[in-house]
């Protein structure tokens, strides 16, 4: 992943695998990520999920089987992901998708820890 920073990397391939519910994305700097729909849903950049400030995040539960049903381009900088639970308000910029891919394992563990602390479930 040498060369470009995440803010300047651009996707060269975006592929939704509906059976496995994985969004595969490759960037022009060589980075390649496979992002599960559940992960993308619980880390949606929408205000509904992130809140309107630090500490206002809303823990997403019961999203294990969520699927992406549509990917809508937004200009040259982002996509809007539409999920089968009706969520469709997050705009995923290329930089945000790159960040989600780069930090996937630590973000996922943080999410699992938050679920456990809340006594909540992915189901």
PDB file of N, CA and C in Angstrom:
ATOM      1  N   UNK A   1       0.827  -1.191   0.000  1.00  0.00           N
ATOM      2  CA  UNK A   1       0.000   0.000   0.000  1.00  0.00           C
ATOM      3  C   UNK A   1       0.871   1.254   0.000  1.00  0.00           C
ATOM      4  N   UNK A   2       2.033   1.139  -0.510  1.00  0.00           N
ATOM      5  CA  UNK A   2       2.925   2.298  -0.566  1.00  0.00           C
ATOM      6  C   UNK A   2       2.450   3.268  -1.630  1.00  0.00           C
ATOM      7  N   UNK A   3       2.868   4.486  -1.496  1.00  0.00           N
ATOM      8  CA  UNK A   3       2.553   5.468  -2.522  1.00  0.00           C
ATOM      9  C   UNK A   3       1.514   6.465  -2.083  1.00  0.00           C
ATOM     10  N   UNK A   4       0.262   6.123  -2.242  1.00  0.00           N
ATOM     11  CA  UNK A   4      -0.822   7.061  -1.992  1.00  0.00           C
ATOM     12  C   UNK A   4      -1.298   6.990  -0.547  1.00  0.00           C
ATOM     13  N   UNK A   5      -1.825   8.102  -0.082  1.00  0.00           N
ATOM     14  CA  UNK A   5      -2.473   8.102   1.226  1.00  0.00           C
ATOM     15  C   UNK A   5      -3.929   7.727   1.023  1.00  0.00           C
ATOM     16  N   UNK A   6      -4.584   7.306   2.085  1.00  0.00           N
ATOM     17  CA  UNK A   6      -5.977   6.878   1.962  1.00  0.00           C
ATOM     18  C   UNK A   6      -6.878   7.970   1.416  1.00  0.00           C
ATOM     19  N   UNK A   7      -6.565   9.233   1.670  1.00  0.00           N
ATOM     20  CA  UNK A   7      -7.412  10.318   1.200  1.00  0.00           C
ATOM     21  C   UNK A   7      -7.305  10.542  -0.301  1.00  0.00           C
ATOM     22  N   UNK A   8      -6.242  10.023  -0.916  1.00  0.00           N
ATOM     23  CA  UNK A   8      -6.097  10.227  -2.352  1.00  0.00           C
ATOM     24  C   UNK A   8      -6.291   8.940  -3.147  1.00  0.00           C
ATOM     25  N   UNK A   9      -6.378   7.805  -2.467  1.00  0.00           N
ATOM     26  CA  UNK A   9      -6.586   6.534  -3.160  1.00  0.00           C
ATOM     27  C   UNK A   9      -7.993   6.505  -3.755  1.00  0.00           C
ATOM     28  N   UNK A  10      -8.093   5.935  -4.939  1.00  0.00           N
ATOM     29  CA  UNK A  10      -9.383   5.826  -5.627  1.00  0.00           C
ATOM     30  C   UNK A  10      -9.655   4.363  -5.935  1.00  0.00           C
ATOM     31  N   UNK A  11     -10.913   3.943  -5.865  1.00  0.00           N
ATOM     32  CA  UNK A  11     -11.232   2.547  -6.155  1.00  0.00           C
ATOM     33  C   UNK A  11     -11.059   2.249  -7.646  1.00  0.00           C
ATOM     34  N   UNK A  12     -10.544   1.067  -7.922  1.00  0.00           N
ATOM     35  CA  UNK A  12     -10.444   0.612  -9.305  1.00  0.00           C
ATOM     36  C   UNK A  12     -11.414  -0.541  -9.554  1.00  0.00           C
ATOM     37  N   UNK A  13     -11.893  -1.147  -8.473  1.00  0.00           N
ATOM     38  CA  UNK A  13     -12.872  -2.215  -8.599  1.00  0.00           C
ATOM     39  C   UNK A  13     -13.735  -2.268  -7.348  1.00  0.00           C
ATOM     40  N   UNK A  14     -15.030  -2.444  -7.574  1.00  0.00           N
ATOM     41  CA  UNK A  14     -16.000  -2.551  -6.490  1.00  0.00           C
ATOM     42  C   UNK A  14     -16.929  -3.688  -6.880  1.00  0.00           C
ATOM     43  N   UNK A  15     -16.999  -4.718  -6.060  1.00  0.00           N
ATOM     44  CA  UNK A  15     -17.796  -5.892  -6.408  1.00  0.00           C
ATOM     45  C   UNK A  15     -18.576  -6.355  -5.180  1.00  0.00           C
ATOM     46  N   UNK A  16     -19.884  -6.467  -5.329  1.00  0.00           N
ATOM     47  CA  UNK A  16     -20.731  -6.963  -4.250  1.00  0.00           C
ATOM     48  C   UNK A  16     -20.979  -8.447  -4.463  1.00  0.00           C
ATOM     49  N   UNK A  17     -20.594  -9.244  -3.480  1.00  0.00           N
ATOM     50  CA  UNK A  17     -20.840 -10.682  -3.508  1.00  0.00           C
ATOM     51  C   UNK A  17     -22.103 -10.933  -2.677  1.00  0.00           C
ATOM     52  N   UNK A  18     -23.222 -11.093  -3.354  1.00  0.00           N
ATOM     53  CA  UNK A  18     -24.503 -11.168  -2.647  1.00  0.00           C
ATOM     54  C   UNK A  18     -24.643 -12.428  -1.798  1.00  0.00           C
ATOM     55  N   UNK A  19     -24.118 -13.557  -2.261  1.00  0.00           N
ATOM     56  CA  UNK A  19     -24.270 -14.799  -1.499  1.00  0.00           C
ATOM     57  C   UNK A  19     -23.525 -14.731  -0.173  1.00  0.00           C
ATOM     58  N   UNK A  20     -22.301 -14.183  -0.197  1.00  0.00           N
ATOM     59  CA  UNK A  20     -21.510 -14.107   1.035  1.00  0.00           C
ATOM     60  C   UNK A  20     -21.698 -12.775   1.756  1.00  0.00           C
ATOM     61  N   UNK A  21     -22.429 -11.855   1.134  1.00  0.00           N
ATOM     62  CA  UNK A  21     -22.712 -10.526   1.703  1.00  0.00           C
ATOM     63  C   UNK A  21     -21.410  -9.777   2.020  1.00  0.00           C
ATOM     64  N   UNK A  22     -20.518  -9.746   1.034  1.00  0.00           N
ATOM     65  CA  UNK A  22     -19.228  -9.074   1.166  1.00  0.00           C
ATOM     66  C   UNK A  22     -19.060  -8.069   0.029  1.00  0.00           C
ATOM     67  N   UNK A  23     -18.616  -6.872   0.384  1.00  0.00           N
ATOM     68  CA  UNK A  23     -18.265  -5.856  -0.603  1.00  0.00           C
ATOM     69  C   UNK A  23     -16.752  -5.885  -0.761  1.00  0.00           C
ATOM     70  N   UNK A  24     -16.305  -6.226  -1.963  1.00  0.00           N
ATOM     71  CA  UNK A  24     -14.879  -6.302  -2.259  1.00  0.00           C
ATOM     72  C   UNK A  24     -14.480  -5.021  -2.981  1.00  0.00           C
ATOM     73  N   UNK A  25     -13.432  -4.386  -2.504  1.00  0.00           N
ATOM     74  CA  UNK A  25     -12.999  -3.129  -3.091  1.00  0.00           C
ATOM     75  C   UNK A  25     -11.475  -3.108  -3.227  1.00  0.00           C
ATOM     76  N   UNK A  26     -11.020  -2.715  -4.408  1.00  0.00           N
ATOM     77  CA  UNK A  26      -9.587  -2.574  -4.679  1.00  0.00           C
ATOM     78  C   UNK A  26      -9.302  -1.123  -5.021  1.00  0.00           C
ATOM     79  N   UNK A  27      -8.195  -0.623  -4.494  1.00  0.00           N
ATOM     80  CA  UNK A  27      -7.809   0.770  -4.714  1.00  0.00           C
ATOM     81  C   UNK A  27      -6.594   0.859  -5.627  1.00  0.00           C
ATOM     82  N   UNK A  28      -6.395   2.047  -6.203  1.00  0.00           N
ATOM     83  CA  UNK A  28      -5.309   2.261  -7.159  1.00  0.00           C
ATOM     84  C   UNK A  28      -3.924   2.259  -6.527  1.00  0.00           C
ATOM     85  N   UNK A  29      -3.838   2.178  -5.218  1.00  0.00           N
ATOM     86  CA  UNK A  29      -2.519   2.074  -4.569  1.00  0.00           C
ATOM     87  C   UNK A  29      -2.183   0.623  -4.224  1.00  0.00           C
ATOM     88  N   UNK A  30      -3.037  -0.308  -4.654  1.00  0.00           N
ATOM     89  CA  UNK A  30      -2.811  -1.720  -4.398  1.00  0.00           C
ATOM     90  C   UNK A  30      -3.567  -2.282  -3.209  1.00  0.00           C
ATOM     91  N   UNK A  31      -4.170  -1.434  -2.405  1.00  0.00           N
ATOM     92  CA  UNK A  31      -4.941  -1.914  -1.250  1.00  0.00           C
ATOM     93  C   UNK A  31      -6.171  -2.671  -1.738  1.00  0.00           C
ATOM     94  N   UNK A  32      -6.511  -3.728  -1.025  1.00  0.00           N
ATOM     95  CA  UNK A  32      -7.659  -4.574  -1.376  1.00  0.00           C
ATOM     96  C   UNK A  32      -8.340  -4.990  -0.082  1.00  0.00           C
ATOM     97  N   UNK A  33      -9.655  -4.773  -0.020  1.00  0.00           N
ATOM     98  CA  UNK A  33     -10.391  -5.096   1.199  1.00  0.00           C
ATOM     99  C   UNK A  33     -11.640  -5.903   0.859  1.00  0.00           C
ATOM    100  N   UNK A  34     -12.027  -6.776   1.770  1.00  0.00           N
ATOM    101  CA  UNK A  34     -13.282  -7.516   1.687  1.00  0.00           C
ATOM    102  C   UNK A  34     -14.069  -7.168   2.941  1.00  0.00           C
ATOM    103  N   UNK A  35     -15.113  -6.371   2.749  1.00  0.00           N
ATOM    104  CA  UNK A  35     -15.851  -5.795   3.876  1.00  0.00           C
ATOM    105  C   UNK A  35     -17.245  -6.420   3.971  1.00  0.00           C
ATOM    106  N   UNK A  36     -17.514  -7.170   5.038  1.00  0.00           N
ATOM    107  CA  UNK A  36     -18.833  -7.777   5.213  1.00  0.00           C
ATOM    108  C   UNK A  36     -19.929  -6.712   5.354  1.00  0.00           C
ATOM    109  N   UNK A  37     -21.113  -7.048   4.862  1.00  0.00           N
ATOM    110  CA  UNK A  37     -22.251  -6.130   4.946  1.00  0.00           C
ATOM    111  C   UNK A  37     -22.541  -5.728   6.385  1.00  0.00           C
ATOM    112  N   UNK A  38     -22.466  -6.675   7.299  1.00  0.00           N
ATOM    113  CA  UNK A  38     -22.728  -6.377   8.709  1.00  0.00           C
ATOM    114  C   UNK A  38     -21.762  -5.315   9.222  1.00  0.00           C
ATOM    115  N   UNK A  39     -20.495  -5.463   8.898  1.00  0.00           N
ATOM    116  CA  UNK A  39     -19.474  -4.494   9.319  1.00  0.00           C
ATOM    117  C   UNK A  39     -19.781  -3.107   8.742  1.00  0.00           C
ATOM    118  N   UNK A  40     -20.111  -3.056   7.460  1.00  0.00           N
ATOM    119  CA  UNK A  40     -20.422  -1.767   6.830  1.00  0.00           C
ATOM    120  C   UNK A  40     -21.680  -1.152   7.445  1.00  0.00           C
ATOM    121  N   UNK A  41     -22.644  -1.987   7.802  1.00  0.00           N
ATOM    122  CA  UNK A  41     -23.895  -1.475   8.388  1.00  0.00           C
ATOM    123  C   UNK A  41     -23.656  -0.908   9.784  1.00  0.00           C
ATOM    124  N   UNK A  42     -22.904  -1.628  10.624  1.00  0.00           N
ATOM    125  CA  UNK A  42     -22.720  -1.155  11.997  1.00  0.00           C
ATOM    126  C   UNK A  42     -21.756   0.025  12.069  1.00  0.00           C
ATOM    127  N   UNK A  43     -20.964   0.231  11.017  1.00  0.00           N
ATOM    128  CA  UNK A  43     -20.076   1.393  10.945  1.00  0.00           C
ATOM    129  C   UNK A  43     -20.552   2.393   9.897  1.00  0.00           C
ATOM    130  N   UNK A  44     -21.859   2.433   9.674  1.00  0.00           N
ATOM    131  CA  UNK A  44     -22.416   3.410   8.731  1.00  0.00           C
ATOM    132  C   UNK A  44     -22.042   4.824   9.160  1.00  0.00           C
ATOM    133  N   UNK A  45     -21.676   5.668   8.190  1.00  0.00           N
ATOM    134  CA  UNK A  45     -21.333   7.043   8.533  1.00  0.00           C
ATOM    135  C   UNK A  45     -22.547   7.945   8.748  1.00  0.00           C
ATOM    136  N   UNK A  46     -23.741   7.386   8.769  1.00  0.00           N
ATOM    137  CA  UNK A  46     -24.955   8.192   8.928  1.00  0.00           C
ATOM    138  C   UNK A  46     -25.100   8.731  10.353  1.00  0.00           C
ATOM    139  N   UNK A  47     -25.832   9.809  10.481  1.00  0.00           N
ATOM    140  CA  UNK A  47     -26.108  10.381  11.801  1.00  0.00           C
ATOM    141  C   UNK A  47     -26.944   9.418  12.636  1.00  0.00           C
ATOM    142  N   UNK A  48     -27.743   8.594  11.984  1.00  0.00           N
ATOM    143  CA  UNK A  48     -28.568   7.608  12.686  1.00  0.00           C
ATOM    144  C   UNK A  48     -27.704   6.636  13.481  1.00  0.00           C
ATOM    145  N   UNK A  49     -26.502   6.348  12.983  1.00  0.00           N
ATOM    146  CA  UNK A  49     -25.591   5.412  13.641  1.00  0.00           C
ATOM    147  C   UNK A  49     -24.538   6.159  14.459  1.00  0.00           C
ATOM    148  N   UNK A  50     -23.950   7.181  13.879  1.00  0.00           N
ATOM    149  CA  UNK A  50     -22.848   7.898  14.533  1.00  0.00           C
ATOM    150  C   UNK A  50     -23.313   8.968  15.505  1.00  0.00           C
ATOM    151  N   UNK A  51     -24.565   9.366  15.425  1.00  0.00           N
ATOM    152  CA  UNK A  51     -25.049  10.449  16.256  1.00  0.00           C
ATOM    153  C   UNK A  51     -24.573  11.785  15.698  1.00  0.00           C
ATOM    154  N   UNK A  52     -24.721  12.808  16.489  1.00  0.00           N
ATOM    155  CA  UNK A  52     -24.344  14.161  16.041  1.00  0.00           C
ATOM    156  C   UNK A  52     -23.128  14.687  16.787  1.00  0.00           C
ATOM    157  N   UNK A  53     -22.399  13.791  17.422  1.00  0.00           N
ATOM    158  CA  UNK A  53     -21.202  14.206  18.148  1.00  0.00           C
ATOM    159  C   UNK A  53     -20.603  13.039  18.907  1.00  0.00           C
ATOM    160  N   UNK A  54     -19.438  13.255  19.450  1.00  0.00           N
ATOM    161  CA  UNK A  54     -18.740  12.219  20.197  1.00  0.00           C
ATOM    162  C   UNK A  54     -19.597  11.758  21.373  1.00  0.00           C
ATOM    163  N   UNK A  55     -19.678  10.453  21.541  1.00  0.00           N
ATOM    164  CA  UNK A  55     -20.454   9.891  22.638  1.00  0.00           C
ATOM    165  C   UNK A  55     -21.924   9.700  22.309  1.00  0.00           C
ATOM    166  N   UNK A  56     -22.352  10.088  21.117  1.00  0.00           N
ATOM    167  CA  UNK A  56     -23.756   9.936  20.731  1.00  0.00           C
ATOM    168  C   UNK A  56     -23.979   8.760  19.781  1.00  0.00           C
ATOM    169  N   UNK A  57     -22.940   7.923  19.593  1.00  0.00           N
ATOM    170  CA  UNK A  57     -23.060   6.786  18.703  1.00  0.00           C
ATOM    171  C   UNK A  57     -24.166   5.858  19.195  1.00  0.00           C
ATOM    172  N   UNK A  58     -24.885   5.257  18.251  1.00  0.00           N
ATOM    173  CA  UNK A  58     -25.961   4.328  18.579  1.00  0.00           C
ATOM    174  C   UNK A  58     -25.488   2.917  18.248  1.00  0.00           C
ATOM    175  N   UNK A  59     -25.373   2.065  19.273  1.00  0.00           N
ATOM    176  CA  UNK A  59     -24.927   0.688  19.072  1.00  0.00           C
ATOM    177  C   UNK A  59     -25.937  -0.044  18.200  1.00  0.00           C
ATOM    178  N   UNK A  60     -25.460  -0.625  17.120  1.00  0.00           N
ATOM    179  CA  UNK A  60     -26.314  -1.371  16.202  1.00  0.00           C
ATOM    180  C   UNK A  60     -26.316  -2.836  16.617  1.00  0.00           C
ATOM    181  N   UNK A  61     -27.485  -3.387  16.803  1.00  0.00           N
ATOM    182  CA  UNK A  61     -27.613  -4.782  17.222  1.00  0.00           C
ATOM    183  C   UNK A  61     -28.456  -5.541  16.203  1.00  0.00           C
ATOM    184  N   UNK A  62     -28.336  -6.858  16.220  1.00  0.00           N
ATOM    185  CA  UNK A  62     -29.159  -7.701  15.357  1.00  0.00           C
ATOM    186  C   UNK A  62     -28.873  -7.543  13.875  1.00  0.00           C
ATOM    187  N   UNK A  63     -27.637  -7.266  13.510  1.00  0.00           N
ATOM    188  CA  UNK A  63     -27.313  -6.995  12.097  1.00  0.00           C
ATOM    189  C   UNK A  63     -26.508  -8.120  11.442  1.00  0.00           C
ATOM    190  N   UNK A  64     -26.391  -9.271  12.095  1.00  0.00           N
ATOM    191  CA  UNK A  64     -25.564 -10.369  11.567  1.00  0.00           C
ATOM    192  C   UNK A  64     -25.951 -10.730  10.127  1.00  0.00           C
ATOM    193  N   UNK A  65     -27.224 -10.785   9.819  1.00  0.00           N
ATOM    194  CA  UNK A  65     -27.672 -11.249   8.506  1.00  0.00           C
ATOM    195  C   UNK A  65     -28.069 -10.127   7.548  1.00  0.00           C
ATOM    196  N   UNK A  66     -27.702  -8.888   7.862  1.00  0.00           N
ATOM    197  CA  UNK A  66     -28.054  -7.772   6.991  1.00  0.00           C
ATOM    198  C   UNK A  66     -27.314  -7.910   5.659  1.00  0.00           C
ATOM    199  N   UNK A  67     -27.966  -7.456   4.594  1.00  0.00           N
ATOM    200  CA  UNK A  67     -27.361  -7.534   3.262  1.00  0.00           C
ATOM    201  C   UNK A  67     -27.470  -6.185   2.567  1.00  0.00           C
ATOM    202  N   UNK A  68     -26.534  -5.938   1.681  1.00  0.00           N
ATOM    203  CA  UNK A  68     -26.586  -4.749   0.824  1.00  0.00           C
ATOM    204  C   UNK A  68     -27.435  -5.121  -0.378  1.00  0.00           C
ATOM    205  N   UNK A  69     -28.451  -4.293  -0.671  1.00  0.00           N
ATOM    206  CA  UNK A  69     -29.329  -4.577  -1.806  1.00  0.00           C
ATOM    207  C   UNK A  69     -29.094  -3.628  -2.974  1.00  0.00           C
ATOM    208  N   UNK A  70     -28.384  -2.517  -2.732  1.00  0.00           N
ATOM    209  CA  UNK A  70     -28.082  -1.588  -3.819  1.00  0.00           C
ATOM    210  C   UNK A  70     -26.866  -0.753  -3.450  1.00  0.00           C
ATOM    211  N   UNK A  71     -26.128  -0.378  -4.486  1.00  0.00           N
ATOM    212  CA  UNK A  71     -24.987   0.522  -4.342  1.00  0.00           C
ATOM    213  C   UNK A  71     -25.213   1.657  -5.329  1.00  0.00           C
ATOM    214  N   UNK A  72     -25.413   2.856  -4.810  1.00  0.00           N
ATOM    215  CA  UNK A  72     -25.683   4.013  -5.655  1.00  0.00           C
ATOM    216  C   UNK A  72     -24.484   4.951  -5.638  1.00  0.00           C
ATOM    217  N   UNK A  73     -23.911   5.261  -6.815  1.00  0.00           N
ATOM    218  CA  UNK A  73     -22.794   6.204  -6.855  1.00  0.00           C
ATOM    219  C   UNK A  73     -23.226   7.606  -6.443  1.00  0.00           C
ATOM    220  N   UNK A  74     -22.329   8.302  -5.769  1.00  0.00           N
ATOM    221  CA  UNK A  74     -22.559   9.693  -5.375  1.00  0.00           C
ATOM    222  C   UNK A  74     -21.374  10.488  -5.912  1.00  0.00           C
ATOM    223  N   UNK A  75     -21.571  11.145  -7.042  1.00  0.00           N
ATOM    224  CA  UNK A  75     -20.481  11.888  -7.659  1.00  0.00           C
ATOM    225  C   UNK A  75     -19.291  10.989  -7.925  1.00  0.00           C
ATOM    226  N   UNK A  76     -18.102  11.546  -7.775  1.00  0.00           N
ATOM    227  CA  UNK A  76     -16.865  10.803  -7.989  1.00  0.00           C
ATOM    228  C   UNK A  76     -16.171  10.453  -6.672  1.00  0.00           C
ATOM    229  N   UNK A  77     -16.884  10.619  -5.552  1.00  0.00           N
ATOM    230  CA  UNK A  77     -16.209  10.506  -4.259  1.00  0.00           C
ATOM    231  C   UNK A  77     -16.803   9.507  -3.288  1.00  0.00           C
ATOM    232  N   UNK A  78     -17.972   8.929  -3.593  1.00  0.00           N
ATOM    233  CA  UNK A  78     -18.635   8.096  -2.590  1.00  0.00           C
ATOM    234  C   UNK A  78     -19.680   7.182  -3.225  1.00  0.00           C
ATOM    235  N   UNK A  79     -20.198   6.285  -2.390  1.00  0.00           N
ATOM    236  CA  UNK A  79     -21.354   5.476  -2.742  1.00  0.00           C
ATOM    237  C   UNK A  79     -22.333   5.511  -1.571  1.00  0.00           C
ATOM    238  N   UNK A  80     -23.591   5.358  -1.900  1.00  0.00           N
ATOM    239  CA  UNK A  80     -24.623   5.184  -0.883  1.00  0.00           C
ATOM    240  C   UNK A  80     -24.976   3.706  -0.897  1.00  0.00           C
ATOM    241  N   UNK A  81     -24.839   3.061   0.244  1.00  0.00           N
ATOM    242  CA  UNK A  81     -25.189   1.656   0.361  1.00  0.00           C
ATOM    243  C   UNK A  81     -26.605   1.542   0.902  1.00  0.00           C
ATOM    244  N   UNK A  82     -27.404   0.708   0.263  1.00  0.00           N
ATOM    245  CA  UNK A  82     -28.774   0.461   0.691  1.00  0.00           C
ATOM    246  C   UNK A  82     -28.826  -0.956   1.255  1.00  0.00           C
ATOM    247  N   UNK A  83     -29.282  -1.067   2.495  1.00  0.00           N
ATOM    248  CA  UNK A  83     -29.323  -2.347   3.191  1.00  0.00           C
ATOM    249  C   UNK A  83     -30.748  -2.888   3.244  1.00  0.00           C
ATOM    250  N   UNK A  84     -30.872  -4.200   3.365  1.00  0.00           N
ATOM    251  CA  UNK A  84     -32.201  -4.814   3.360  1.00  0.00           C
ATOM    252  C   UNK A  84     -33.002  -4.566   4.638  1.00  0.00           C
ATOM    253  N   UNK A  85     -32.397  -3.927   5.638  1.00  0.00           N
ATOM    254  CA  UNK A  85     -33.162  -3.543   6.838  1.00  0.00           C
ATOM    255  C   UNK A  85     -33.742  -2.139   6.693  1.00  0.00           C
ATOM    256  N   UNK A  86     -33.587  -1.548   5.496  1.00  0.00           N
ATOM    257  CA  UNK A  86     -34.149  -0.227   5.222  1.00  0.00           C
ATOM    258  C   UNK A  86     -33.160   0.908   5.403  1.00  0.00           C
ATOM    259  N   UNK A  87     -32.008   0.654   5.978  1.00  0.00           N
ATOM    260  CA  UNK A  87     -31.025   1.721   6.191  1.00  0.00           C
ATOM    261  C   UNK A  87     -30.404   2.130   4.864  1.00  0.00           C
ATOM    262  N   UNK A  88     -30.442   3.442   4.584  1.00  0.00           N
ATOM    263  CA  UNK A  88     -29.896   3.921   3.308  1.00  0.00           C
ATOM    264  C   UNK A  88     -29.388   5.357   3.390  1.00  0.00           C
ATOM    265  N   UNK A  89     -29.076   5.821   4.585  1.00  0.00           N
ATOM    266  CA  UNK A  89     -28.724   7.240   4.737  1.00  0.00           C
ATOM    267  C   UNK A  89     -27.233   7.513   4.899  1.00  0.00           C
ATOM    268  N   UNK A  90     -26.396   6.490   4.799  1.00  0.00           N
ATOM    269  CA  UNK A  90     -24.969   6.721   4.948  1.00  0.00           C
ATOM    270  C   UNK A  90     -24.276   6.888   3.604  1.00  0.00           C
ATOM    271  N   UNK A  91     -23.443   7.913   3.486  1.00  0.00           N
ATOM    272  CA  UNK A  91     -22.618   8.092   2.298  1.00  0.00           C
ATOM    273  C   UNK A  91     -21.198   7.639   2.635  1.00  0.00           C
ATOM    274  N   UNK A  92     -20.757   6.615   1.951  1.00  0.00           N
ATOM    275  CA  UNK A  92     -19.446   6.008   2.194  1.00  0.00           C
ATOM    276  C   UNK A  92     -18.452   6.594   1.195  1.00  0.00           C
ATOM    277  N   UNK A  93     -17.660   7.560   1.641  1.00  0.00           N
ATOM    278  CA  UNK A  93     -16.640   8.147   0.764  1.00  0.00           C
ATOM    279  C   UNK A  93     -15.558   7.103   0.524  1.00  0.00           C
ATOM    280  N   UNK A  94     -14.782   7.309  -0.539  1.00  0.00           N
ATOM    281  CA  UNK A  94     -13.671   6.385  -0.804  1.00  0.00           C
ATOM    282  C   UNK A  94     -12.710   6.377   0.385  1.00  0.00           C
ATOM    283  N   UNK A  95     -12.436   7.551   0.940  1.00  0.00           N
ATOM    284  CA  UNK A  95     -11.517   7.633   2.089  1.00  0.00           C
ATOM    285  C   UNK A  95     -12.077   6.858   3.289  1.00  0.00           C
ATOM    286  N   UNK A  96     -13.403   6.939   3.514  1.00  0.00           N
ATOM    287  CA  UNK A  96     -13.990   6.220   4.645  1.00  0.00           C
ATOM    288  C   UNK A  96     -13.939   4.707   4.412  1.00  0.00           C
ATOM    289  N   UNK A  97     -14.228   4.254   3.189  1.00  0.00           N
ATOM    290  CA  UNK A  97     -14.142   2.833   2.890  1.00  0.00           C
ATOM    291  C   UNK A  97     -12.707   2.325   3.062  1.00  0.00           C
ATOM    292  N   UNK A  98     -11.742   3.140   2.661  1.00  0.00           N
ATOM    293  CA  UNK A  98     -10.334   2.778   2.819  1.00  0.00           C
ATOM    294  C   UNK A  98      -9.991   2.669   4.307  1.00  0.00           C
ATOM    295  N   UNK A  99     -10.468   3.626   5.079  1.00  0.00           N
ATOM    296  CA  UNK A  99     -10.236   3.599   6.525  1.00  0.00           C
ATOM    297  C   UNK A  99     -10.877   2.363   7.164  1.00  0.00           C
ATOM    298  N   UNK A 100     -12.126   2.065   6.761  1.00  0.00           N
ATOM    299  CA  UNK A 100     -12.800   0.877   7.299  1.00  0.00           C
ATOM    300  C   UNK A 100     -12.015  -0.386   6.969  1.00  0.00           C
ATOM    301  N   UNK A 101     -11.481  -0.458   5.754  1.00  0.00           N
ATOM    302  CA  UNK A 101     -10.683  -1.615   5.375  1.00  0.00           C
ATOM    303  C   UNK A 101      -9.387  -1.694   6.157  1.00  0.00           C
ATOM    304  N   UNK A 102      -8.718  -0.576   6.304  1.00  0.00           N
ATOM    305  CA  UNK A 102      -7.425  -0.533   7.000  1.00  0.00           C
ATOM    306  C   UNK A 102      -7.546  -0.871   8.478  1.00  0.00           C
ATOM    307  N   UNK A 103      -8.658  -0.521   9.061  1.00  0.00           N
ATOM    308  CA  UNK A 103      -8.846  -0.705  10.508  1.00  0.00           C
ATOM    309  C   UNK A 103      -9.883  -1.781  10.827  1.00  0.00           C
ATOM    310  N   UNK A 104     -10.132  -2.660   9.873  1.00  0.00           N
ATOM    311  CA  UNK A 104     -11.230  -3.620  10.019  1.00  0.00           C
ATOM    312  C   UNK A 104     -11.119  -4.472  11.279  1.00  0.00           C
ATOM    313  N   UNK A 105      -9.958  -5.077  11.544  1.00  0.00           N
ATOM    314  CA  UNK A 105      -9.891  -5.965  12.711  1.00  0.00           C
ATOM    315  C   UNK A 105     -10.051  -5.220  14.016  1.00  0.00           C
ATOM    316  N   UNK A 106      -9.435  -4.050  14.151  1.00  0.00           N
ATOM    317  CA  UNK A 106      -9.583  -3.320  15.415  1.00  0.00           C
ATOM    318  C   UNK A 106     -10.992  -2.761  15.571  1.00  0.00           C
ATOM    319  N   UNK A 107     -11.592  -2.263  14.479  1.00  0.00           N
ATOM    320  CA  UNK A 107     -12.972  -1.767  14.543  1.00  0.00           C
ATOM    321  C   UNK A 107     -13.924  -2.891  14.924  1.00  0.00           C
ATOM    322  N   UNK A 108     -13.739  -4.065  14.307  1.00  0.00           N
ATOM    323  CA  UNK A 108     -14.637  -5.187  14.578  1.00  0.00           C
ATOM    324  C   UNK A 108     -14.534  -5.614  16.034  1.00  0.00           C
ATOM    325  N   UNK A 109     -13.321  -5.682  16.565  1.00  0.00           N
ATOM    326  CA  UNK A 109     -13.158  -6.069  17.967  1.00  0.00           C
ATOM    327  C   UNK A 109     -13.810  -5.030  18.887  1.00  0.00           C
ATOM    328  N   UNK A 110     -13.664  -3.758  18.556  1.00  0.00           N
ATOM    329  CA  UNK A 110     -14.297  -2.699  19.335  1.00  0.00           C
ATOM    330  C   UNK A 110     -15.812  -2.872  19.334  1.00  0.00           C
ATOM    331  N   UNK A 111     -16.379  -3.202  18.181  1.00  0.00           N
ATOM    332  CA  UNK A 111     -17.818  -3.430  18.073  1.00  0.00           C
ATOM    333  C   UNK A 111     -18.243  -4.622  18.935  1.00  0.00           C
ATOM    334  N   UNK A 112     -17.520  -5.731  18.848  1.00  0.00           N
ATOM    335  CA  UNK A 112     -17.847  -6.909  19.654  1.00  0.00           C
ATOM    336  C   UNK A 112     -17.745  -6.609  21.145  1.00  0.00           C
ATOM    337  N   UNK A 113     -16.746  -5.828  21.531  1.00  0.00           N
ATOM    338  CA  UNK A 113     -16.593  -5.430  22.932  1.00  0.00           C
ATOM    339  C   UNK A 113     -17.769  -4.571  23.389  1.00  0.00           C
ATOM    340  N   UNK A 114     -18.204  -3.643  22.538  1.00  0.00           N
ATOM    341  CA  UNK A 114     -19.351  -2.798  22.880  1.00  0.00           C
ATOM    342  C   UNK A 114     -20.628  -3.636  23.024  1.00  0.00           C
ATOM    343  N   UNK A 115     -20.812  -4.596  22.117  1.00  0.00           N
ATOM    344  CA  UNK A 115     -21.981  -5.482  22.219  1.00  0.00           C
ATOM    345  C   UNK A 115     -21.964  -6.245  23.543  1.00  0.00           C
ATOM    346  N   UNK A 116     -20.801  -6.806  23.889  1.00  0.00           N
ATOM    347  CA  UNK A 116     -20.688  -7.587  25.117  1.00  0.00           C
ATOM    348  C   UNK A 116     -20.957  -6.715  26.332  1.00  0.00           C
ATOM    349  N   UNK A 117     -20.423  -5.510  26.347  1.00  0.00           N
ATOM    350  CA  UNK A 117     -20.621  -4.598  27.485  1.00  0.00           C
ATOM    351  C   UNK A 117     -22.090  -4.224  27.645  1.00  0.00           C
ATOM    352  N   UNK A 118     -22.804  -4.163  26.512  1.00  0.00           N
ATOM    353  CA  UNK A 118     -24.233  -3.790  26.555  1.00  0.00           C
ATOM    354  C   UNK A 118     -25.131  -4.997  26.754  1.00  0.00           C
ATOM    355  N   UNK A 119     -24.538  -6.202  26.766  1.00  0.00           N
ATOM    356  CA  UNK A 119     -25.356  -7.410  26.875  1.00  0.00           C
ATOM    357  C   UNK A 119     -26.216  -7.611  25.637  1.00  0.00           C
ATOM    358  N   UNK A 120     -25.732  -7.108  24.506  1.00  0.00           N
ATOM    359  CA  UNK A 120     -26.501  -7.158  23.258  1.00  0.00           C
ATOM    360  C   UNK A 120     -25.939  -8.230  22.339  1.00  0.00           C
ATOM    361  N   UNK A 121     -26.614  -8.433  21.212  1.00  0.00           N
ATOM    362  CA  UNK A 121     -26.258  -9.510  20.314  1.00  0.00           C
ATOM    363  C   UNK A 121     -26.206  -9.055  18.858  1.00  0.00           C
ATOM    364  N   UNK A 122     -25.430  -9.783  18.075  1.00  0.00           N
ATOM    365  CA  UNK A 122     -25.399  -9.562  16.631  1.00  0.00           C
ATOM    366  C   UNK A 122     -26.646 -10.131  15.981  1.00  0.00           C
ATOM    367  N   UNK A 123     -27.364 -11.020  16.685  1.00  0.00           N
ATOM    368  CA  UNK A 123     -28.557 -11.688  16.117  1.00  0.00           C
ATOM    369  C   UNK A 123     -29.839 -10.924  16.397  1.00  0.00           C
TER     370      UNK A 123
END
